[in-house]
């Protein structure tokens, strides 16, 4: 496994580097955000670990630019910011997960294994995988392409695709945030369940139509996907 770490704190980098050596991971370290971004976009990585506050370019900007360039690599944000709004912002910019400082190497390793496992599963899918069709959506699970009424939906992140696919496979069923974290994220999530709200909000903005919201809030419970009903919010 080859991982790029963009982190300007030497003690944090040293701790990660020692743990990587123990785990047999090839770690590459950059201290400057701009240089780290250029390294991230010019080489192939199994995972990126990006600090929030960096000289040259901050971590949120790096994450946003990578997603705008359609770089499909798992991203974990490191942040000393522990407010909910900061964590949500990182996820909105395309991060797959975040770790709040101070953190243990074991917790970071669990996140790395989880996000890389999900991305590896996507890459390993056979080309004849199932095509899912509904009244409005066509999803190719091999190419991970989504059509809405025959038109492609661009710029879906891997997790947005997974969430949309899950809902389409379970129409009109209500799922709590905890159930979605378990069924879609597929591991014990260390952050709060607001990450589900963030991804639902992003999906709504990308795929919902004026009279067809598709994703409906069931107050006090969670969310459901329904192509036939009006907005229940």
C-alpha atoms as a PDB file:
ATOM      1  CA  UNK A   1       0.000   0.000   0.000  1.00  0.00           C
ATOM      2  CA  UNK A   2       1.300   3.432  -0.958  1.00  0.00           C
ATOM      3  CA  UNK A   3      -0.030   6.405   0.999  1.00  0.00           C
ATOM      4  CA  UNK A   4       0.668  10.123   0.662  1.00  0.00           C
ATOM      5  CA  UNK A   5       0.559  12.080   3.917  1.00  0.00           C
ATOM      6  CA  UNK A   6       0.353  15.880   3.648  1.00  0.00           C
ATOM      7  CA  UNK A   7       1.109  17.079   7.168  1.00  0.00           C
ATOM      8  CA  UNK A   8       3.330  19.912   8.394  1.00  0.00           C
ATOM      9  CA  UNK A   9       3.535  18.771  12.024  1.00  0.00           C
ATOM     10  CA  UNK A  10       6.775  16.817  12.310  1.00  0.00           C
ATOM     11  CA  UNK A  11       5.786  14.891  15.439  1.00  0.00           C
ATOM     12  CA  UNK A  12       2.526  13.733  13.847  1.00  0.00           C
ATOM     13  CA  UNK A  13       4.336  12.754  10.643  1.00  0.00           C
ATOM     14  CA  UNK A  14       6.992  10.861  12.596  1.00  0.00           C
ATOM     15  CA  UNK A  15       4.356   8.932  14.534  1.00  0.00           C
ATOM     16  CA  UNK A  16       2.537   7.989  11.320  1.00  0.00           C
ATOM     17  CA  UNK A  17       5.797   7.072   9.584  1.00  0.00           C
ATOM     18  CA  UNK A  18       6.840   4.712  12.392  1.00  0.00           C
ATOM     19  CA  UNK A  19       3.455   3.020  12.353  1.00  0.00           C
ATOM     20  CA  UNK A  20       3.525   2.698   8.563  1.00  0.00           C
ATOM     21  CA  UNK A  21       6.898   0.970   8.756  1.00  0.00           C
ATOM     22  CA  UNK A  22       5.470  -1.478  11.278  1.00  0.00           C
ATOM     23  CA  UNK A  23       2.476  -2.169   9.013  1.00  0.00           C
ATOM     24  CA  UNK A  24       4.552  -2.499   5.844  1.00  0.00           C
ATOM     25  CA  UNK A  25       3.047   0.604   4.232  1.00  0.00           C
ATOM     26  CA  UNK A  26       5.030   2.818   1.890  1.00  0.00           C
ATOM     27  CA  UNK A  27       4.520   6.319   3.242  1.00  0.00           C
ATOM     28  CA  UNK A  28       5.419   9.477   1.345  1.00  0.00           C
ATOM     29  CA  UNK A  29       5.335  12.733   3.310  1.00  0.00           C
ATOM     30  CA  UNK A  30       4.879  16.337   2.205  1.00  0.00           C
ATOM     31  CA  UNK A  31       4.816  19.389   4.476  1.00  0.00           C
ATOM     32  CA  UNK A  32       3.536  22.029   2.056  1.00  0.00           C
ATOM     33  CA  UNK A  33      -0.065  21.940   0.876  1.00  0.00           C
ATOM     34  CA  UNK A  34       0.587  23.102  -2.681  1.00  0.00           C
ATOM     35  CA  UNK A  35       3.466  20.697  -3.164  1.00  0.00           C
ATOM     36  CA  UNK A  36       1.386  17.948  -1.611  1.00  0.00           C
ATOM     37  CA  UNK A  37      -1.475  18.634  -4.013  1.00  0.00           C
ATOM     38  CA  UNK A  38       0.854  18.476  -7.020  1.00  0.00           C
ATOM     39  CA  UNK A  39       2.255  15.183  -5.739  1.00  0.00           C
ATOM     40  CA  UNK A  40      -1.238  13.832  -5.105  1.00  0.00           C
ATOM     41  CA  UNK A  41      -2.512  14.582  -8.590  1.00  0.00           C
ATOM     42  CA  UNK A  42       0.598  13.435 -10.461  1.00  0.00           C
ATOM     43  CA  UNK A  43       1.008   9.937  -8.962  1.00  0.00           C
ATOM     44  CA  UNK A  44      -1.161   6.923  -8.131  1.00  0.00           C
ATOM     45  CA  UNK A  45      -1.954   6.414  -4.443  1.00  0.00           C
ATOM     46  CA  UNK A  46      -3.905   3.925  -2.389  1.00  0.00           C
ATOM     47  CA  UNK A  47      -4.930   6.609   0.101  1.00  0.00           C
ATOM     48  CA  UNK A  48      -4.328  10.270   0.925  1.00  0.00           C
ATOM     49  CA  UNK A  49      -4.068  11.586   4.475  1.00  0.00           C
ATOM     50  CA  UNK A  50      -4.361  15.365   4.489  1.00  0.00           C
ATOM     51  CA  UNK A  51      -4.068  17.782   7.385  1.00  0.00           C
ATOM     52  CA  UNK A  52      -6.631  20.580   7.557  1.00  0.00           C
ATOM     53  CA  UNK A  53      -4.230  23.467   8.251  1.00  0.00           C
ATOM     54  CA  UNK A  54      -1.261  23.582   5.895  1.00  0.00           C
ATOM     55  CA  UNK A  55       1.072  26.204   4.419  1.00  0.00           C
ATOM     56  CA  UNK A  56       0.682  26.871   0.709  1.00  0.00           C
ATOM     57  CA  UNK A  57      -2.801  25.364   0.369  1.00  0.00           C
ATOM     58  CA  UNK A  58      -5.087  24.154   3.143  1.00  0.00           C
ATOM     59  CA  UNK A  59      -6.396  20.613   3.291  1.00  0.00           C
ATOM     60  CA  UNK A  60      -9.976  21.508   2.414  1.00  0.00           C
ATOM     61  CA  UNK A  61      -8.825  23.249  -0.770  1.00  0.00           C
ATOM     62  CA  UNK A  62      -6.663  20.250  -1.690  1.00  0.00           C
ATOM     63  CA  UNK A  63      -9.597  17.904  -1.206  1.00  0.00           C
ATOM     64  CA  UNK A  64     -11.942  20.101  -3.235  1.00  0.00           C
ATOM     65  CA  UNK A  65      -9.491  20.462  -6.137  1.00  0.00           C
ATOM     66  CA  UNK A  66      -8.803  16.724  -6.244  1.00  0.00           C
ATOM     67  CA  UNK A  67     -12.519  15.923  -6.429  1.00  0.00           C
ATOM     68  CA  UNK A  68     -13.056  18.585  -9.081  1.00  0.00           C
ATOM     69  CA  UNK A  69     -10.317  16.851 -11.085  1.00  0.00           C
ATOM     70  CA  UNK A  70     -12.175  13.516 -10.614  1.00  0.00           C
ATOM     71  CA  UNK A  71      -9.265  11.957  -8.709  1.00  0.00           C
ATOM     72  CA  UNK A  72     -10.768   8.725  -7.347  1.00  0.00           C
ATOM     73  CA  UNK A  73      -8.705   7.993  -4.256  1.00  0.00           C
ATOM     74  CA  UNK A  74      -9.814   7.636  -0.630  1.00  0.00           C
ATOM     75  CA  UNK A  75      -9.105  10.768   1.404  1.00  0.00           C
ATOM     76  CA  UNK A  76      -8.852  10.984   5.179  1.00  0.00           C
ATOM     77  CA  UNK A  77      -8.687  14.447   6.718  1.00  0.00           C
ATOM     78  CA  UNK A  78      -6.655  15.128   9.852  1.00  0.00           C
ATOM     79  CA  UNK A  79      -7.985  18.017  11.878  1.00  0.00           C
ATOM     80  CA  UNK A  80      -7.560  19.672  15.250  1.00  0.00           C
ATOM     81  CA  UNK A  81     -10.965  21.258  14.662  1.00  0.00           C
ATOM     82  CA  UNK A  82     -13.590  19.317  16.563  1.00  0.00           C
ATOM     83  CA  UNK A  83     -16.691  21.358  15.782  1.00  0.00           C
ATOM     84  CA  UNK A  84     -19.459  19.633  13.873  1.00  0.00           C
ATOM     85  CA  UNK A  85     -19.546  22.325  11.191  1.00  0.00           C
ATOM     86  CA  UNK A  86     -15.832  21.890  10.436  1.00  0.00           C
ATOM     87  CA  UNK A  87     -16.160  18.135  10.168  1.00  0.00           C
ATOM     88  CA  UNK A  88     -19.191  18.444   7.908  1.00  0.00           C
ATOM     89  CA  UNK A  89     -17.300  20.922   5.694  1.00  0.00           C
ATOM     90  CA  UNK A  90     -14.500  18.426   5.151  1.00  0.00           C
ATOM     91  CA  UNK A  91     -16.987  15.751   4.100  1.00  0.00           C
ATOM     92  CA  UNK A  92     -18.795  18.184   1.823  1.00  0.00           C
ATOM     93  CA  UNK A  93     -15.531  18.871   0.017  1.00  0.00           C
ATOM     94  CA  UNK A  94     -15.178  15.165  -0.785  1.00  0.00           C
ATOM     95  CA  UNK A  95     -13.266  13.625   2.106  1.00  0.00           C
ATOM     96  CA  UNK A  96     -14.246  10.025   2.837  1.00  0.00           C
ATOM     97  CA  UNK A  97     -13.484  10.202   6.532  1.00  0.00           C
ATOM     98  CA  UNK A  98     -11.798  12.392   9.126  1.00  0.00           C
ATOM     99  CA  UNK A  99      -9.681  11.876  12.235  1.00  0.00           C
ATOM    100  CA  UNK A 100      -9.627  14.438  15.019  1.00  0.00           C
ATOM    101  CA  UNK A 101      -6.303  15.189  16.697  1.00  0.00           C
ATOM    102  CA  UNK A 102      -5.004  13.815  18.962  1.00  0.00           C
ATOM    103  CA  UNK A 103      -5.568  10.318  17.623  1.00  0.00           C
ATOM    104  CA  UNK A 104      -4.099   6.851  18.084  1.00  0.00           C
ATOM    105  CA  UNK A 105      -2.269   5.135  15.222  1.00  0.00           C
ATOM    106  CA  UNK A 106      -4.585   2.144  15.616  1.00  0.00           C
ATOM    107  CA  UNK A 107      -7.659   4.316  15.041  1.00  0.00           C
ATOM    108  CA  UNK A 108      -6.058   5.881  11.958  1.00  0.00           C
ATOM    109  CA  UNK A 109      -5.127   2.436  10.647  1.00  0.00           C
ATOM    110  CA  UNK A 110      -8.707   1.247  11.066  1.00  0.00           C
ATOM    111  CA  UNK A 111      -9.924   4.165   8.956  1.00  0.00           C
ATOM    112  CA  UNK A 112      -7.281   3.531   6.282  1.00  0.00           C
ATOM    113  CA  UNK A 113      -8.203  -0.131   6.003  1.00  0.00           C
ATOM    114  CA  UNK A 114     -11.901   0.682   5.829  1.00  0.00           C
ATOM    115  CA  UNK A 115     -11.717   3.318   3.088  1.00  0.00           C
ATOM    116  CA  UNK A 116      -9.158   1.447   0.970  1.00  0.00           C
ATOM    117  CA  UNK A 117     -11.166  -1.768   1.247  1.00  0.00           C
ATOM    118  CA  UNK A 118     -14.239  -0.019  -0.130  1.00  0.00           C
ATOM    119  CA  UNK A 119     -12.328   1.513  -3.036  1.00  0.00           C
ATOM    120  CA  UNK A 120     -10.625  -1.815  -3.813  1.00  0.00           C
ATOM    121  CA  UNK A 121     -13.997  -3.544  -3.923  1.00  0.00           C
ATOM    122  CA  UNK A 122     -15.159  -0.984  -6.485  1.00  0.00           C
ATOM    123  CA  UNK A 123     -12.093  -1.501  -8.703  1.00  0.00           C
ATOM    124  CA  UNK A 124     -12.414  -5.273  -8.490  1.00  0.00           C
ATOM    125  CA  UNK A 125     -15.948  -5.526  -9.763  1.00  0.00           C
ATOM    126  CA  UNK A 126     -16.468  -7.515 -12.962  1.00  0.00           C
ATOM    127  CA  UNK A 127     -17.559  -5.674 -16.115  1.00  0.00           C
ATOM    128  CA  UNK A 128     -20.758  -7.743 -16.402  1.00  0.00           C
ATOM    129  CA  UNK A 129     -22.070  -6.549 -13.024  1.00  0.00           C
ATOM    130  CA  UNK A 130     -25.744  -5.831 -12.643  1.00  0.00           C
ATOM    131  CA  UNK A 131     -27.428  -2.874 -14.274  1.00  0.00           C
ATOM    132  CA  UNK A 132     -30.125  -1.481 -11.997  1.00  0.00           C
ATOM    133  CA  UNK A 133     -33.107   0.270 -13.535  1.00  0.00           C
ATOM    134  CA  UNK A 134     -36.006   2.208 -12.018  1.00  0.00           C
ATOM    135  CA  UNK A 135     -38.559   4.598 -13.494  1.00  0.00           C
ATOM    136  CA  UNK A 136     -35.977   7.395 -13.511  1.00  0.00           C
ATOM    137  CA  UNK A 137     -32.549   5.877 -12.819  1.00  0.00           C
ATOM    138  CA  UNK A 138     -30.189   3.510 -14.608  1.00  0.00           C
ATOM    139  CA  UNK A 139     -27.126   2.460 -12.632  1.00  0.00           C
ATOM    140  CA  UNK A 140     -24.240   0.436 -14.041  1.00  0.00           C
ATOM    141  CA  UNK A 141     -22.471  -1.041 -11.033  1.00  0.00           C
ATOM    142  CA  UNK A 142     -19.425  -2.029 -13.112  1.00  0.00           C
ATOM    143  CA  UNK A 143     -18.686   1.374 -14.617  1.00  0.00           C
ATOM    144  CA  UNK A 144     -20.382   3.209 -11.723  1.00  0.00           C
ATOM    145  CA  UNK A 145     -22.282   5.377 -14.173  1.00  0.00           C
ATOM    146  CA  UNK A 146     -25.673   6.845 -13.275  1.00  0.00           C
ATOM    147  CA  UNK A 147     -28.320   8.042 -15.717  1.00  0.00           C
ATOM    148  CA  UNK A 148     -31.279  10.118 -14.594  1.00  0.00           C
ATOM    149  CA  UNK A 149     -34.033  10.056 -17.218  1.00  0.00           C
ATOM    150  CA  UNK A 150     -31.395   9.033 -19.750  1.00  0.00           C
ATOM    151  CA  UNK A 151     -28.923  11.810 -18.891  1.00  0.00           C
ATOM    152  CA  UNK A 152     -25.648  11.098 -17.087  1.00  0.00           C
ATOM    153  CA  UNK A 153     -25.135  12.393 -13.544  1.00  0.00           C
ATOM    154  CA  UNK A 154     -21.490  13.533 -13.350  1.00  0.00           C
ATOM    155  CA  UNK A 155     -19.242  14.082 -10.352  1.00  0.00           C
ATOM    156  CA  UNK A 156     -20.773  11.569  -7.947  1.00  0.00           C
ATOM    157  CA  UNK A 157     -18.234  10.650  -5.288  1.00  0.00           C
ATOM    158  CA  UNK A 158     -17.737   6.927  -4.578  1.00  0.00           C
ATOM    159  CA  UNK A 159     -19.709   7.176  -1.351  1.00  0.00           C
ATOM    160  CA  UNK A 160     -22.549   9.103  -3.009  1.00  0.00           C
ATOM    161  CA  UNK A 161     -22.764   6.365  -5.633  1.00  0.00           C
ATOM    162  CA  UNK A 162     -22.830   3.649  -2.947  1.00  0.00           C
ATOM    163  CA  UNK A 163     -25.550   5.456  -1.032  1.00  0.00           C
ATOM    164  CA  UNK A 164     -27.680   6.006  -4.139  1.00  0.00           C
ATOM    165  CA  UNK A 165     -27.283   2.371  -5.183  1.00  0.00           C
ATOM    166  CA  UNK A 166     -28.293   1.168  -1.717  1.00  0.00           C
ATOM    167  CA  UNK A 167     -31.440   3.295  -1.668  1.00  0.00           C
ATOM    168  CA  UNK A 168     -32.422   2.238  -5.184  1.00  0.00           C
ATOM    169  CA  UNK A 169     -32.072  -1.390  -4.125  1.00  0.00           C
ATOM    170  CA  UNK A 170     -34.356  -0.694  -1.125  1.00  0.00           C
ATOM    171  CA  UNK A 171     -37.108   1.621  -2.411  1.00  0.00           C
ATOM    172  CA  UNK A 172     -39.584   3.134   0.065  1.00  0.00           C
ATOM    173  CA  UNK A 173     -37.831   1.532   3.045  1.00  0.00           C
ATOM    174  CA  UNK A 174     -36.973   3.843   5.925  1.00  0.00           C
ATOM    175  CA  UNK A 175     -33.436   3.670   7.298  1.00  0.00           C
ATOM    176  CA  UNK A 176     -32.006   5.421  10.332  1.00  0.00           C
ATOM    177  CA  UNK A 177     -28.663   7.181  10.125  1.00  0.00           C
ATOM    178  CA  UNK A 178     -27.101   4.391  12.179  1.00  0.00           C
ATOM    179  CA  UNK A 179     -28.463   1.741   9.805  1.00  0.00           C
ATOM    180  CA  UNK A 180     -27.104   3.617   6.801  1.00  0.00           C
ATOM    181  CA  UNK A 181     -23.673   3.935   8.385  1.00  0.00           C
ATOM    182  CA  UNK A 182     -23.687   0.199   9.044  1.00  0.00           C
ATOM    183  CA  UNK A 183     -25.083  -0.885   5.659  1.00  0.00           C
ATOM    184  CA  UNK A 184     -23.368   1.628   3.349  1.00  0.00           C
ATOM    185  CA  UNK A 185     -20.205   2.680   5.180  1.00  0.00           C
ATOM    186  CA  UNK A 186     -19.798  -0.893   6.359  1.00  0.00           C
ATOM    187  CA  UNK A 187     -17.810  -0.358   9.533  1.00  0.00           C
ATOM    188  CA  UNK A 188     -18.091   1.202  12.956  1.00  0.00           C
ATOM    189  CA  UNK A 189     -17.980   4.888  12.117  1.00  0.00           C
ATOM    190  CA  UNK A 190     -15.895   6.911  14.555  1.00  0.00           C
ATOM    191  CA  UNK A 191     -17.424  10.277  13.756  1.00  0.00           C
ATOM    192  CA  UNK A 192     -20.970  11.450  14.281  1.00  0.00           C
ATOM    193  CA  UNK A 193     -23.894  10.442  12.113  1.00  0.00           C
ATOM    194  CA  UNK A 194     -24.126  13.887  10.528  1.00  0.00           C
ATOM    195  CA  UNK A 195     -22.027  12.466   7.706  1.00  0.00           C
ATOM    196  CA  UNK A 196     -25.214  10.764   6.481  1.00  0.00           C
ATOM    197  CA  UNK A 197     -27.028  14.114   6.414  1.00  0.00           C
ATOM    198  CA  UNK A 198     -24.175  15.639   4.429  1.00  0.00           C
ATOM    199  CA  UNK A 199     -24.216  12.902   1.799  1.00  0.00           C
ATOM    200  CA  UNK A 200     -28.015  12.988   1.499  1.00  0.00           C
ATOM    201  CA  UNK A 201     -27.866  16.760   1.025  1.00  0.00           C
ATOM    202  CA  UNK A 202     -25.237  16.402  -1.698  1.00  0.00           C
ATOM    203  CA  UNK A 203     -27.175  13.665  -3.456  1.00  0.00           C
ATOM    204  CA  UNK A 204     -30.329  15.775  -3.405  1.00  0.00           C
ATOM    205  CA  UNK A 205     -28.487  18.660  -5.016  1.00  0.00           C
ATOM    206  CA  UNK A 206     -27.112  16.409  -7.763  1.00  0.00           C
ATOM    207  CA  UNK A 207     -30.020  14.131  -8.643  1.00  0.00           C
ATOM    208  CA  UNK A 208     -33.272  15.598  -7.344  1.00  0.00           C
ATOM    209  CA  UNK A 209     -35.688  17.448  -9.599  1.00  0.00           C
ATOM    210  CA  UNK A 210     -38.039  20.282  -8.662  1.00  0.00           C
ATOM    211  CA  UNK A 211     -41.053  18.026  -8.226  1.00  0.00           C
ATOM    212  CA  UNK A 212     -39.098  14.816  -7.606  1.00  0.00           C
ATOM    213  CA  UNK A 213     -36.907  15.028  -4.491  1.00  0.00           C
ATOM    214  CA  UNK A 214     -36.393  11.210  -4.388  1.00  0.00           C
ATOM    215  CA  UNK A 215     -34.807  11.357  -0.920  1.00  0.00           C
ATOM    216  CA  UNK A 216     -37.338  11.995   1.829  1.00  0.00           C
ATOM    217  CA  UNK A 217     -36.795  12.805   5.476  1.00  0.00           C
ATOM    218  CA  UNK A 218     -38.868  10.772   7.914  1.00  0.00           C
ATOM    219  CA  UNK A 219     -38.718  12.938  10.998  1.00  0.00           C
ATOM    220  CA  UNK A 220     -37.413  11.207  14.100  1.00  0.00           C
ATOM    221  CA  UNK A 221     -36.402   8.125  12.125  1.00  0.00           C
ATOM    222  CA  UNK A 222     -34.185   8.744   9.089  1.00  0.00           C
ATOM    223  CA  UNK A 223     -34.516   8.685   5.311  1.00  0.00           C
ATOM    224  CA  UNK A 224     -36.260   6.797   2.529  1.00  0.00           C
ATOM    225  CA  UNK A 225     -35.951   6.752  -1.251  1.00  0.00           C
ATOM    226  CA  UNK A 226     -39.237   7.070  -3.155  1.00  0.00           C
ATOM    227  CA  UNK A 227     -39.674   8.028  -6.805  1.00  0.00           C
ATOM    228  CA  UNK A 228     -43.444   8.297  -6.532  1.00  0.00           C
ATOM    229  CA  UNK A 229     -44.066  10.490  -3.473  1.00  0.00           C
ATOM    230  CA  UNK A 230     -43.796  14.241  -2.937  1.00  0.00           C
ATOM    231  CA  UNK A 231     -41.419  15.755  -0.472  1.00  0.00           C
ATOM    232  CA  UNK A 232     -42.255  14.731   3.066  1.00  0.00           C
ATOM    233  CA  UNK A 233     -40.104  17.347   4.784  1.00  0.00           C
END
